[in-house]
Amino acid sequence: MLFFLDLFLLFLYFKIARVHKKEEKLSFSIKLQHILVALSALSLYSYAYSYIAWYLVLIVSFLFFIIAALIVTAVQLGIFVDGKPQFGISKLYQYLPLITITVTLLSAIIWS
């Protein structure tokens, strides 16, 4: 179960990071986070192809990719109450370090 949670957070991270890259300049710390999450993704997929059926990994990856894209698109469009944005994309950027730590730790827990 941790594998699927980690996989979803991985796709959500990369979708948020892609939007962040288009809108703002990348700093060294953001690039370092991207590298750390990419290494976690490689270890996660190597685990998946070793212990989980390949077709299940592909199907779940495709579904999580679509869900993450829809979530980020909904936030980009905005969640407004009485004409004021309640949750914007800039608030979503603040969760990048937290998602990085979570993905990295979950990948380490899955391998141990």
PDB file of N, CA and C in Angstrom:
ATOM      1  N   MET A   1       0.817  -1.191   0.000  1.00  0.00           N
ATOM      2  CA  MET A   1       0.000   0.000   0.000  1.00  0.00           C
ATOM      3  C   MET A   1       0.861   1.255   0.000  1.00  0.00           C
ATOM      4  N   LEU A   2       1.981   1.213   0.713  1.00  0.00           N
ATOM      5  CA  LEU A   2       2.886   2.361   0.714  1.00  0.00           C
ATOM      6  C   LEU A   2       3.430   2.641  -0.679  1.00  0.00           C
ATOM      7  N   PHE A   3       3.598   1.577  -1.455  1.00  0.00           N
ATOM      8  CA  PHE A   3       4.099   1.759  -2.814  1.00  0.00           C
ATOM      9  C   PHE A   3       3.160   2.644  -3.621  1.00  0.00           C
ATOM     10  N   PHE A   4       1.872   2.381  -3.536  1.00  0.00           N
ATOM     11  CA  PHE A   4       0.914   3.143  -4.324  1.00  0.00           C
ATOM     12  C   PHE A   4       0.787   4.580  -3.835  1.00  0.00           C
ATOM     13  N   LEU A   5       0.861   4.785  -2.529  1.00  0.00           N
ATOM     14  CA  LEU A   5       0.856   6.143  -1.991  1.00  0.00           C
ATOM     15  C   LEU A   5       2.082   6.913  -2.472  1.00  0.00           C
ATOM     16  N   ASP A   6       3.220   6.271  -2.418  1.00  0.00           N
ATOM     17  CA  ASP A   6       4.461   6.905  -2.870  1.00  0.00           C
ATOM     18  C   ASP A   6       4.411   7.200  -4.370  1.00  0.00           C
ATOM     19  N   LEU A   7       3.851   6.295  -5.126  1.00  0.00           N
ATOM     20  CA  LEU A   7       3.742   6.504  -6.572  1.00  0.00           C
ATOM     21  C   LEU A   7       2.834   7.690  -6.889  1.00  0.00           C
ATOM     22  N   PHE A   8       1.723   7.802  -6.178  1.00  0.00           N
ATOM     23  CA  PHE A   8       0.830   8.939  -6.404  1.00  0.00           C
ATOM     24  C   PHE A   8       1.505  10.255  -6.041  1.00  0.00           C
ATOM     25  N   LEU A   9       2.172  10.295  -4.878  1.00  0.00           N
ATOM     26  CA  LEU A   9       2.878  11.514  -4.478  1.00  0.00           C
ATOM     27  C   LEU A   9       3.994  11.866  -5.451  1.00  0.00           C
ATOM     28  N   LEU A  10       4.610  10.862  -6.028  1.00  0.00           N
ATOM     29  CA  LEU A  10       5.653  11.082  -7.020  1.00  0.00           C
ATOM     30  C   LEU A  10       5.103  11.800  -8.248  1.00  0.00           C
ATOM     31  N   PHE A  11       3.987  11.307  -8.762  1.00  0.00           N
ATOM     32  CA  PHE A  11       3.380  11.964  -9.924  1.00  0.00           C
ATOM     33  C   PHE A  11       2.860  13.349  -9.585  1.00  0.00           C
ATOM     34  N   LEU A  12       2.310  13.520  -8.394  1.00  0.00           N
ATOM     35  CA  LEU A  12       1.844  14.833  -7.975  1.00  0.00           C
ATOM     36  C   LEU A  12       3.013  15.804  -7.867  1.00  0.00           C
ATOM     37  N   TYR A  13       4.129  15.340  -7.311  1.00  0.00           N
ATOM     38  CA  TYR A  13       5.316  16.192  -7.208  1.00  0.00           C
ATOM     39  C   TYR A  13       5.796  16.636  -8.582  1.00  0.00           C
ATOM     40  N   PHE A  14       5.917  15.694  -9.508  1.00  0.00           N
ATOM     41  CA  PHE A  14       6.448  16.061 -10.816  1.00  0.00           C
ATOM     42  C   PHE A  14       5.502  16.976 -11.586  1.00  0.00           C
ATOM     43  N   LYS A  15       4.206  16.844 -11.384  1.00  0.00           N
ATOM     44  CA  LYS A  15       3.264  17.743 -12.033  1.00  0.00           C
ATOM     45  C   LYS A  15       3.371  19.155 -11.455  1.00  0.00           C
ATOM     46  N   ILE A  16       3.460  19.256 -10.128  1.00  0.00           N
ATOM     47  CA  ILE A  16       3.629  20.567  -9.498  1.00  0.00           C
ATOM     48  C   ILE A  16       4.964  21.184  -9.906  1.00  0.00           C
ATOM     49  N   ALA A  17       6.006  20.371  -9.953  1.00  0.00           N
ATOM     50  CA  ALA A  17       7.326  20.863 -10.338  1.00  0.00           C
ATOM     51  C   ALA A  17       7.346  21.352 -11.781  1.00  0.00           C
ATOM     52  N   ARG A  18       6.622  20.684 -12.653  1.00  0.00           N
ATOM     53  CA  ARG A  18       6.557  21.104 -14.057  1.00  0.00           C
ATOM     54  C   ARG A  18       5.890  22.472 -14.181  1.00  0.00           C
ATOM     55  N   VAL A  19       4.813  22.676 -13.449  1.00  0.00           N
ATOM     56  CA  VAL A  19       4.127  23.969 -13.464  1.00  0.00           C
ATOM     57  C   VAL A  19       5.018  25.037 -12.833  1.00  0.00           C
ATOM     58  N   HIS A  20       5.695  24.694 -11.755  1.00  0.00           N
ATOM     59  CA  HIS A  20       6.589  25.627 -11.077  1.00  0.00           C
ATOM     60  C   HIS A  20       7.722  26.068 -12.000  1.00  0.00           C
ATOM     61  N   LYS A  21       8.244  25.130 -12.774  1.00  0.00           N
ATOM     62  CA  LYS A  21       9.340  25.439 -13.699  1.00  0.00           C
ATOM     63  C   LYS A  21       8.893  26.420 -14.778  1.00  0.00           C
ATOM     64  N   LYS A  22       7.657  26.281 -15.226  1.00  0.00           N
ATOM     65  CA  LYS A  22       7.151  27.174 -16.267  1.00  0.00           C
ATOM     66  C   LYS A  22       6.895  28.586 -15.752  1.00  0.00           C
ATOM     67  N   GLU A  23       6.546  28.714 -14.483  1.00  0.00           N
ATOM     68  CA  GLU A  23       6.135  30.010 -13.962  1.00  0.00           C
ATOM     69  C   GLU A  23       7.224  30.761 -13.211  1.00  0.00           C
ATOM     70  N   GLU A  24       8.148  30.057 -12.598  1.00  0.00           N
ATOM     71  CA  GLU A  24       9.155  30.721 -11.779  1.00  0.00           C
ATOM     72  C   GLU A  24      10.547  30.202 -12.108  1.00  0.00           C
ATOM     73  N   LYS A  25      11.532  31.002 -11.716  1.00  0.00           N
ATOM     74  CA  LYS A  25      12.917  30.620 -11.933  1.00  0.00           C
ATOM     75  C   LYS A  25      13.323  29.536 -10.941  1.00  0.00           C
ATOM     76  N   LEU A  26      14.099  28.572 -11.405  1.00  0.00           N
ATOM     77  CA  LEU A  26      14.528  27.465 -10.547  1.00  0.00           C
ATOM     78  C   LEU A  26      15.779  27.845  -9.767  1.00  0.00           C
ATOM     79  N   SER A  27      15.743  27.605  -8.476  1.00  0.00           N
ATOM     80  CA  SER A  27      16.910  27.828  -7.646  1.00  0.00           C
ATOM     81  C   SER A  27      17.678  26.519  -7.497  1.00  0.00           C
ATOM     82  N   PHE A  28      18.832  26.609  -6.858  1.00  0.00           N
ATOM     83  CA  PHE A  28      19.652  25.420  -6.658  1.00  0.00           C
ATOM     84  C   PHE A  28      18.948  24.409  -5.767  1.00  0.00           C
ATOM     85  N   SER A  29      18.263  24.896  -4.743  1.00  0.00           N
ATOM     86  CA  SER A  29      17.584  23.974  -3.820  1.00  0.00           C
ATOM     87  C   SER A  29      16.437  23.236  -4.517  1.00  0.00           C
ATOM     88  N   ILE A  30      15.734  23.912  -5.412  1.00  0.00           N
ATOM     89  CA  ILE A  30      14.653  23.253  -6.154  1.00  0.00           C
ATOM     90  C   ILE A  30      15.234  22.191  -7.090  1.00  0.00           C
ATOM     91  N   LYS A  31      16.348  22.508  -7.739  1.00  0.00           N
ATOM     92  CA  LYS A  31      16.992  21.521  -8.612  1.00  0.00           C
ATOM     93  C   LYS A  31      17.470  20.319  -7.815  1.00  0.00           C
ATOM     94  N   LEU A  32      17.978  20.567  -6.626  1.00  0.00           N
ATOM     95  CA  LEU A  32      18.415  19.479  -5.752  1.00  0.00           C
ATOM     96  C   LEU A  32      17.234  18.605  -5.331  1.00  0.00           C
ATOM     97  N   GLN A  33      16.096  19.235  -5.064  1.00  0.00           N
ATOM     98  CA  GLN A  33      14.893  18.475  -4.736  1.00  0.00           C
ATOM     99  C   GLN A  33      14.460  17.610  -5.916  1.00  0.00           C
ATOM    100  N   HIS A  34      14.530  18.171  -7.119  1.00  0.00           N
ATOM    101  CA  HIS A  34      14.152  17.404  -8.316  1.00  0.00           C
ATOM    102  C   HIS A  34      15.045  16.177  -8.486  1.00  0.00           C
ATOM    103  N   ILE A  35      16.330  16.355  -8.257  1.00  0.00           N
ATOM    104  CA  ILE A  35      17.270  15.233  -8.393  1.00  0.00           C
ATOM    105  C   ILE A  35      16.981  14.171  -7.333  1.00  0.00           C
ATOM    106  N   LEU A  36      16.719  14.602  -6.110  1.00  0.00           N
ATOM    107  CA  LEU A  36      16.419  13.662  -5.027  1.00  0.00           C
ATOM    108  C   LEU A  36      15.145  12.863  -5.320  1.00  0.00           C
ATOM    109  N   VAL A  37      14.124  13.538  -5.822  1.00  0.00           N
ATOM    110  CA  VAL A  37      12.870  12.841  -6.141  1.00  0.00           C
ATOM    111  C   VAL A  37      13.059  11.938  -7.365  1.00  0.00           C
ATOM    112  N   ALA A  38      13.862  12.351  -8.323  1.00  0.00           N
ATOM    113  CA  ALA A  38      14.118  11.498  -9.487  1.00  0.00           C
ATOM    114  C   ALA A  38      14.838  10.216  -9.073  1.00  0.00           C
ATOM    115  N   LEU A  39      15.794  10.322  -8.163  1.00  0.00           N
ATOM    116  CA  LEU A  39      16.473   9.121  -7.665  1.00  0.00           C
ATOM    117  C   LEU A  39      15.508   8.224  -6.882  1.00  0.00           C
ATOM    118  N   SER A  40      14.621   8.849  -6.134  1.00  0.00           N
ATOM    119  CA  SER A  40      13.602   8.072  -5.425  1.00  0.00           C
ATOM    120  C   SER A  40      12.668   7.378  -6.409  1.00  0.00           C
ATOM    121  N   ALA A  41      12.361   8.049  -7.509  1.00  0.00           N
ATOM    122  CA  ALA A  41      11.495   7.450  -8.537  1.00  0.00           C
ATOM    123  C   ALA A  41      12.175   6.244  -9.172  1.00  0.00           C
ATOM    124  N   LEU A  42      13.461   6.366  -9.445  1.00  0.00           N
ATOM    125  CA  LEU A  42      14.185   5.227 -10.013  1.00  0.00           C
ATOM    126  C   LEU A  42      14.187   4.037  -9.059  1.00  0.00           C
ATOM    127  N   SER A  43      14.418   4.308  -7.778  1.00  0.00           N
ATOM    128  CA  SER A  43      14.416   3.200  -6.817  1.00  0.00           C
ATOM    129  C   SER A  43      13.012   2.625  -6.651  1.00  0.00           C
ATOM    130  N   LEU A  44      12.001   3.475  -6.713  1.00  0.00           N
ATOM    131  CA  LEU A  44      10.626   2.997  -6.580  1.00  0.00           C
ATOM    132  C   LEU A  44      10.232   2.103  -7.752  1.00  0.00           C
ATOM    133  N   TYR A  45      10.586   2.515  -8.962  1.00  0.00           N
ATOM    134  CA  TYR A  45      10.251   1.696 -10.127  1.00  0.00           C
ATOM    135  C   TYR A  45      11.088   0.419 -10.192  1.00  0.00           C
ATOM    136  N   SER A  46      12.319   0.462  -9.713  1.00  0.00           N
ATOM    137  CA  SER A  46      13.093  -0.773  -9.685  1.00  0.00           C
ATOM    138  C   SER A  46      12.489  -1.760  -8.684  1.00  0.00           C
ATOM    139  N   TYR A  47      11.989  -1.250  -7.571  1.00  0.00           N
ATOM    140  CA  TYR A  47      11.277  -2.105  -6.621  1.00  0.00           C
ATOM    141  C   TYR A  47      10.007  -2.662  -7.255  1.00  0.00           C
ATOM    142  N   ALA A  48       9.274  -1.793  -7.933  1.00  0.00           N
ATOM    143  CA  ALA A  48       7.992  -2.207  -8.525  1.00  0.00           C
ATOM    144  C   ALA A  48       8.180  -3.305  -9.558  1.00  0.00           C
ATOM    145  N   TYR A  49       9.166  -3.168 -10.410  1.00  0.00           N
ATOM    146  CA  TYR A  49       9.363  -4.182 -11.436  1.00  0.00           C
ATOM    147  C   TYR A  49       9.976  -5.467 -10.881  1.00  0.00           C
ATOM    148  N   SER A  50      10.499  -5.399  -9.662  1.00  0.00           N
ATOM    149  CA  SER A  50      11.019  -6.607  -9.031  1.00  0.00           C
ATOM    150  C   SER A  50       9.944  -7.388  -8.279  1.00  0.00           C
ATOM    151  N   TYR A  51       8.997  -6.671  -7.659  1.00  0.00           N
ATOM    152  CA  TYR A  51       8.069  -7.334  -6.758  1.00  0.00           C
ATOM    153  C   TYR A  51       6.589  -7.215  -7.137  1.00  0.00           C
ATOM    154  N   ILE A  52       6.259  -6.410  -8.117  1.00  0.00           N
ATOM    155  CA  ILE A  52       4.863  -6.213  -8.506  1.00  0.00           C
ATOM    156  C   ILE A  52       4.751  -6.503  -9.997  1.00  0.00           C
ATOM    157  N   ALA A  53       3.608  -7.009 -10.417  1.00  0.00           N
ATOM    158  CA  ALA A  53       3.401  -7.331 -11.829  1.00  0.00           C
ATOM    159  C   ALA A  53       3.539  -6.064 -12.684  1.00  0.00           C
ATOM    160  N   TRP A  54       4.230  -6.190 -13.805  1.00  0.00           N
ATOM    161  CA  TRP A  54       4.540  -5.021 -14.638  1.00  0.00           C
ATOM    162  C   TRP A  54       3.291  -4.357 -15.186  1.00  0.00           C
ATOM    163  N   TYR A  55       2.275  -5.141 -15.545  1.00  0.00           N
ATOM    164  CA  TYR A  55       1.066  -4.538 -16.104  1.00  0.00           C
ATOM    165  C   TYR A  55       0.303  -3.748 -15.045  1.00  0.00           C
ATOM    166  N   LEU A  56       0.361  -4.178 -13.794  1.00  0.00           N
ATOM    167  CA  LEU A  56      -0.281  -3.433 -12.714  1.00  0.00           C
ATOM    168  C   LEU A  56       0.435  -2.101 -12.490  1.00  0.00           C
ATOM    169  N   VAL A  57       1.748  -2.122 -12.557  1.00  0.00           N
ATOM    170  CA  VAL A  57       2.529  -0.890 -12.391  1.00  0.00           C
ATOM    171  C   VAL A  57       2.198   0.093 -13.507  1.00  0.00           C
ATOM    172  N   LEU A  58       2.083  -0.389 -14.725  1.00  0.00           N
ATOM    173  CA  LEU A  58       1.770   0.506 -15.841  1.00  0.00           C
ATOM    174  C   LEU A  58       0.367   1.092 -15.735  1.00  0.00           C
ATOM    175  N   ILE A  59      -0.607   0.277 -15.402  1.00  0.00           N
ATOM    176  CA  ILE A  59      -1.986   0.760 -15.293  1.00  0.00           C
ATOM    177  C   ILE A  59      -2.124   1.780 -14.167  1.00  0.00           C
ATOM    178  N   VAL A  60      -1.570   1.459 -13.010  1.00  0.00           N
ATOM    179  CA  VAL A  60      -1.668   2.367 -11.868  1.00  0.00           C
ATOM    180  C   VAL A  60      -0.898   3.658 -12.131  1.00  0.00           C
ATOM    181  N   SER A  61       0.254   3.559 -12.780  1.00  0.00           N
ATOM    182  CA  SER A  61       1.022   4.764 -13.117  1.00  0.00           C
ATOM    183  C   SER A  61       0.232   5.673 -14.042  1.00  0.00           C
ATOM    184  N   PHE A  62      -0.415   5.097 -15.029  1.00  0.00           N
ATOM    185  CA  PHE A  62      -1.218   5.883 -15.964  1.00  0.00           C
ATOM    186  C   PHE A  62      -2.376   6.574 -15.242  1.00  0.00           C
ATOM    187  N   LEU A  63      -3.063   5.856 -14.383  1.00  0.00           N
ATOM    188  CA  LEU A  63      -4.188   6.445 -13.649  1.00  0.00           C
ATOM    189  C   LEU A  63      -3.726   7.537 -12.684  1.00  0.00           C
ATOM    190  N   PHE A  64      -2.635   7.303 -11.972  1.00  0.00           N
ATOM    191  CA  PHE A  64      -2.120   8.320 -11.052  1.00  0.00           C
ATOM    192  C   PHE A  64      -1.630   9.548 -11.801  1.00  0.00           C
ATOM    193  N   PHE A  65      -1.066   9.354 -12.978  1.00  0.00           N
ATOM    194  CA  PHE A  65      -0.619  10.484 -13.795  1.00  0.00           C
ATOM    195  C   PHE A  65      -1.813  11.367 -14.164  1.00  0.00           C
ATOM    196  N   ILE A  66      -2.904  10.751 -14.576  1.00  0.00           N
ATOM    197  CA  ILE A  66      -4.100  11.509 -14.955  1.00  0.00           C
ATOM    198  C   ILE A  66      -4.698  12.214 -13.743  1.00  0.00           C
ATOM    199  N   ILE A  67      -4.785  11.530 -12.610  1.00  0.00           N
ATOM    200  CA  ILE A  67      -5.355  12.128 -11.408  1.00  0.00           C
ATOM    201  C   ILE A  67      -4.524  13.321 -10.937  1.00  0.00           C
ATOM    202  N   ALA A  68      -3.199  13.181 -10.933  1.00  0.00           N
ATOM    203  CA  ALA A  68      -2.325  14.281 -10.510  1.00  0.00           C
ATOM    204  C   ALA A  68      -2.461  15.474 -11.448  1.00  0.00           C
ATOM    205  N   ALA A  69      -2.563  15.210 -12.749  1.00  0.00           N
ATOM    206  CA  ALA A  69      -2.726  16.304 -13.710  1.00  0.00           C
ATOM    207  C   ALA A  69      -4.050  17.024 -13.491  1.00  0.00           C
ATOM    208  N   LEU A  70      -5.104  16.291 -13.224  1.00  0.00           N
ATOM    209  CA  LEU A  70      -6.406  16.916 -12.984  1.00  0.00           C
ATOM    210  C   LEU A  70      -6.421  17.731 -11.694  1.00  0.00           C
ATOM    211  N   ILE A  71      -5.748  17.249 -10.666  1.00  0.00           N
ATOM    212  CA  ILE A  71      -5.690  17.990  -9.401  1.00  0.00           C
ATOM    213  C   ILE A  71      -4.969  19.316  -9.583  1.00  0.00           C
ATOM    214  N   VAL A  72      -3.822  19.284 -10.229  1.00  0.00           N
ATOM    215  CA  VAL A  72      -3.046  20.509 -10.410  1.00  0.00           C
ATOM    216  C   VAL A  72      -3.777  21.473 -11.353  1.00  0.00           C
ATOM    217  N   THR A  73      -4.434  20.963 -12.370  1.00  0.00           N
ATOM    218  CA  THR A  73      -5.204  21.819 -13.268  1.00  0.00           C
ATOM    219  C   THR A  73      -6.362  22.483 -12.535  1.00  0.00           C
ATOM    220  N   ALA A  74      -7.020  21.751 -11.668  1.00  0.00           N
ATOM    221  CA  ALA A  74      -8.116  22.335 -10.883  1.00  0.00           C
ATOM    222  C   ALA A  74      -7.608  23.451  -9.974  1.00  0.00           C
ATOM    223  N   VAL A  75      -6.447  23.265  -9.385  1.00  0.00           N
ATOM    224  CA  VAL A  75      -5.878  24.310  -8.531  1.00  0.00           C
ATOM    225  C   VAL A  75      -5.451  25.506  -9.369  1.00  0.00           C
ATOM    226  N   GLN A  76      -4.928  25.264 -10.570  1.00  0.00           N
ATOM    227  CA  GLN A  76      -4.542  26.364 -11.447  1.00  0.00           C
ATOM    228  C   GLN A  76      -5.749  27.197 -11.859  1.00  0.00           C
ATOM    229  N   LEU A  77      -6.848  26.548 -12.129  1.00  0.00           N
ATOM    230  CA  LEU A  77      -8.062  27.273 -12.490  1.00  0.00           C
ATOM    231  C   LEU A  77      -8.589  28.071 -11.314  1.00  0.00           C
ATOM    232  N   GLY A  78      -8.381  27.586 -10.133  1.00  0.00           N
ATOM    233  CA  GLY A  78      -8.727  28.328  -8.931  1.00  0.00           C
ATOM    234  C   GLY A  78      -9.936  27.782  -8.229  1.00  0.00           C
ATOM    235  N   ILE A  79      -9.861  27.879  -6.922  1.00  0.00           N
ATOM    236  CA  ILE A  79     -10.980  27.534  -6.070  1.00  0.00           C
ATOM    237  C   ILE A  79     -11.397  28.843  -5.405  1.00  0.00           C
ATOM    238  N   PHE A  80     -12.515  29.396  -5.858  1.00  0.00           N
ATOM    239  CA  PHE A  80     -12.935  30.713  -5.421  1.00  0.00           C
ATOM    240  C   PHE A  80     -14.180  30.626  -4.550  1.00  0.00           C
ATOM    241  N   VAL A  81     -14.200  31.443  -3.501  1.00  0.00           N
ATOM    242  CA  VAL A  81     -15.381  31.610  -2.665  1.00  0.00           C
ATOM    243  C   VAL A  81     -15.628  33.108  -2.559  1.00  0.00           C
ATOM    244  N   ASP A  82     -16.771  33.552  -3.017  1.00  0.00           N
ATOM    245  CA  ASP A  82     -17.135  34.972  -3.034  1.00  0.00           C
ATOM    246  C   ASP A  82     -16.118  35.818  -3.787  1.00  0.00           C
ATOM    247  N   GLY A  83     -15.574  35.279  -4.860  1.00  0.00           N
ATOM    248  CA  GLY A  83     -14.649  36.025  -5.710  1.00  0.00           C
ATOM    249  C   GLY A  83     -13.224  36.091  -5.209  1.00  0.00           C
ATOM    250  N   LYS A  84     -12.932  35.451  -4.100  1.00  0.00           N
ATOM    251  CA  LYS A  84     -11.574  35.467  -3.552  1.00  0.00           C
ATOM    252  C   LYS A  84     -10.988  34.066  -3.655  1.00  0.00           C
ATOM    253  N   PRO A  85      -9.736  33.959  -4.127  1.00  0.00           N
ATOM    254  CA  PRO A  85      -9.136  32.623  -4.227  1.00  0.00           C
ATOM    255  C   PRO A  85      -8.846  32.052  -2.844  1.00  0.00           C
ATOM    256  N   GLN A  86      -9.266  30.809  -2.626  1.00  0.00           N
ATOM    257  CA  GLN A  86      -9.052  30.156  -1.343  1.00  0.00           C
ATOM    258  C   GLN A  86      -7.761  29.338  -1.327  1.00  0.00           C
ATOM    259  N   PHE A  87      -7.458  28.731  -2.430  1.00  0.00           N
ATOM    260  CA  PHE A  87      -6.261  27.894  -2.509  1.00  0.00           C
ATOM    261  C   PHE A  87      -5.673  28.068  -3.896  1.00  0.00           C
ATOM    262  N   GLY A  88      -4.529  28.710  -3.983  1.00  0.00           N
ATOM    263  CA  GLY A  88      -3.920  28.978  -5.275  1.00  0.00           C
ATOM    264  C   GLY A  88      -2.700  28.123  -5.524  1.00  0.00           C
ATOM    265  N   ILE A  89      -2.146  28.295  -6.703  1.00  0.00           N
ATOM    266  CA  ILE A  89      -0.986  27.509  -7.104  1.00  0.00           C
ATOM    267  C   ILE A  89       0.248  27.890  -6.284  1.00  0.00           C
ATOM    268  N   SER A  90       0.310  29.133  -5.811  1.00  0.00           N
ATOM    269  CA  SER A  90       1.466  29.537  -5.004  1.00  0.00           C
ATOM    270  C   SER A  90       1.470  28.802  -3.656  1.00  0.00           C
ATOM    271  N   LYS A  91       0.297  28.514  -3.109  1.00  0.00           N
ATOM    272  CA  LYS A  91       0.241  27.723  -1.871  1.00  0.00           C
ATOM    273  C   LYS A  91       0.651  26.278  -2.133  1.00  0.00           C
ATOM    274  N   LEU A  92       0.370  25.814  -3.339  1.00  0.00           N
ATOM    275  CA  LEU A  92       0.756  24.456  -3.703  1.00  0.00           C
ATOM    276  C   LEU A  92       2.274  24.322  -3.799  1.00  0.00           C
ATOM    277  N   TYR A  93       2.939  25.398  -4.233  1.00  0.00           N
ATOM    278  CA  TYR A  93       4.401  25.378  -4.322  1.00  0.00           C
ATOM    279  C   TYR A  93       5.045  25.228  -2.947  1.00  0.00           C
ATOM    280  N   GLN A  94       4.371  25.681  -1.913  1.00  0.00           N
ATOM    281  CA  GLN A  94       4.934  25.601  -0.567  1.00  0.00           C
ATOM    282  C   GLN A  94       5.009  24.156  -0.066  1.00  0.00           C
ATOM    283  N   TYR A  95       4.249  23.276  -0.689  1.00  0.00           N
ATOM    284  CA  TYR A  95       4.249  21.874  -0.275  1.00  0.00           C
ATOM    285  C   TYR A  95       5.314  21.036  -0.985  1.00  0.00           C
ATOM    286  N   LEU A  96       6.073  21.614  -1.908  1.00  0.00           N
ATOM    287  CA  LEU A  96       7.106  20.853  -2.624  1.00  0.00           C
ATOM    288  C   LEU A  96       8.147  20.235  -1.684  1.00  0.00           C
ATOM    289  N   PRO A  97       8.711  20.978  -0.720  1.00  0.00           N
ATOM    290  CA  PRO A  97       9.691  20.343   0.177  1.00  0.00           C
ATOM    291  C   PRO A  97       9.083  19.210   1.009  1.00  0.00           C
ATOM    292  N   LEU A  98       7.849  19.383   1.462  1.00  0.00           N
ATOM    293  CA  LEU A  98       7.187  18.345   2.244  1.00  0.00           C
ATOM    294  C   LEU A  98       6.956  17.089   1.410  1.00  0.00           C
ATOM    295  N   ILE A  99       6.537  17.265   0.180  1.00  0.00           N
ATOM    296  CA  ILE A  99       6.327  16.114  -0.706  1.00  0.00           C
ATOM    297  C   ILE A  99       7.659  15.442  -1.020  1.00  0.00           C
ATOM    298  N   THR A 100       8.721  16.234  -1.173  1.00  0.00           N
ATOM    299  CA  THR A 100      10.052  15.670  -1.422  1.00  0.00           C
ATOM    300  C   THR A 100      10.489  14.767  -0.271  1.00  0.00           C
ATOM    301  N   ILE A 101      10.337  15.256   0.934  1.00  0.00           N
ATOM    302  CA  ILE A 101      10.728  14.471   2.102  1.00  0.00           C
ATOM    303  C   ILE A 101       9.880  13.199   2.201  1.00  0.00           C
ATOM    304  N   THR A 102       8.583  13.345   1.963  1.00  0.00           N
ATOM    305  CA  THR A 102       7.685  12.198   2.058  1.00  0.00           C
ATOM    306  C   THR A 102       8.015  11.133   1.023  1.00  0.00           C
ATOM    307  N   VAL A 103       8.231  11.547  -0.220  1.00  0.00           N
ATOM    308  CA  VAL A 103       8.549  10.586  -1.282  1.00  0.00           C
ATOM    309  C   VAL A 103       9.865   9.884  -0.996  1.00  0.00           C
ATOM    310  N   THR A 104      10.855  10.628  -0.550  1.00  0.00           N
ATOM    311  CA  THR A 104      12.161  10.041  -0.274  1.00  0.00           C
ATOM    312  C   THR A 104      12.093   9.049   0.895  1.00  0.00           C
ATOM    313  N   LEU A 105      11.418   9.446   1.953  1.00  0.00           N
ATOM    314  CA  LEU A 105      11.313   8.549   3.108  1.00  0.00           C
ATOM    315  C   LEU A 105      10.484   7.301   2.786  1.00  0.00           C
ATOM    316  N   LEU A 106       9.397   7.472   2.067  1.00  0.00           N
ATOM    317  CA  LEU A 106       8.589   6.310   1.707  1.00  0.00           C
ATOM    318  C   LEU A 106       9.359   5.347   0.810  1.00  0.00           C
ATOM    319  N   SER A 107      10.160   5.889  -0.105  1.00  0.00           N
ATOM    320  CA  SER A 107      10.966   5.017  -0.965  1.00  0.00           C
ATOM    321  C   SER A 107      11.995   4.232  -0.137  1.00  0.00           C
ATOM    322  N   ALA A 108      12.568   4.905   0.849  1.00  0.00           N
ATOM    323  CA  ALA A 108      13.526   4.209   1.716  1.00  0.00           C
ATOM    324  C   ALA A 108      12.835   3.154   2.570  1.00  0.00           C
ATOM    325  N   ILE A 109      11.637   3.453   3.057  1.00  0.00           N
ATOM    326  CA  ILE A 109      10.898   2.482   3.860  1.00  0.00           C
ATOM    327  C   ILE A 109      10.481   1.275   3.016  1.00  0.00           C
ATOM    328  N   ILE A 110      10.080   1.521   1.794  1.00  0.00           N
ATOM    329  CA  ILE A 110       9.650   0.435   0.925  1.00  0.00           C
ATOM    330  C   ILE A 110      10.806  -0.527   0.645  1.00  0.00           C
ATOM    331  N   TRP A 111      11.998   0.003   0.454  1.00  0.00           N
ATOM    332  CA  TRP A 111      13.149  -0.860   0.155  1.00  0.00           C
ATOM    333  C   TRP A 111      13.662  -1.602   1.381  1.00  0.00           C
ATOM    334  N   SER A 112      13.372  -1.083   2.557  1.00  0.00           N
ATOM    335  CA  SER A 112      13.916  -1.747   3.769  1.00  0.00           C
ATOM    336  C   SER A 112      13.035  -2.881   4.249  1.00  0.00           C
TER     337      SER A 112
END
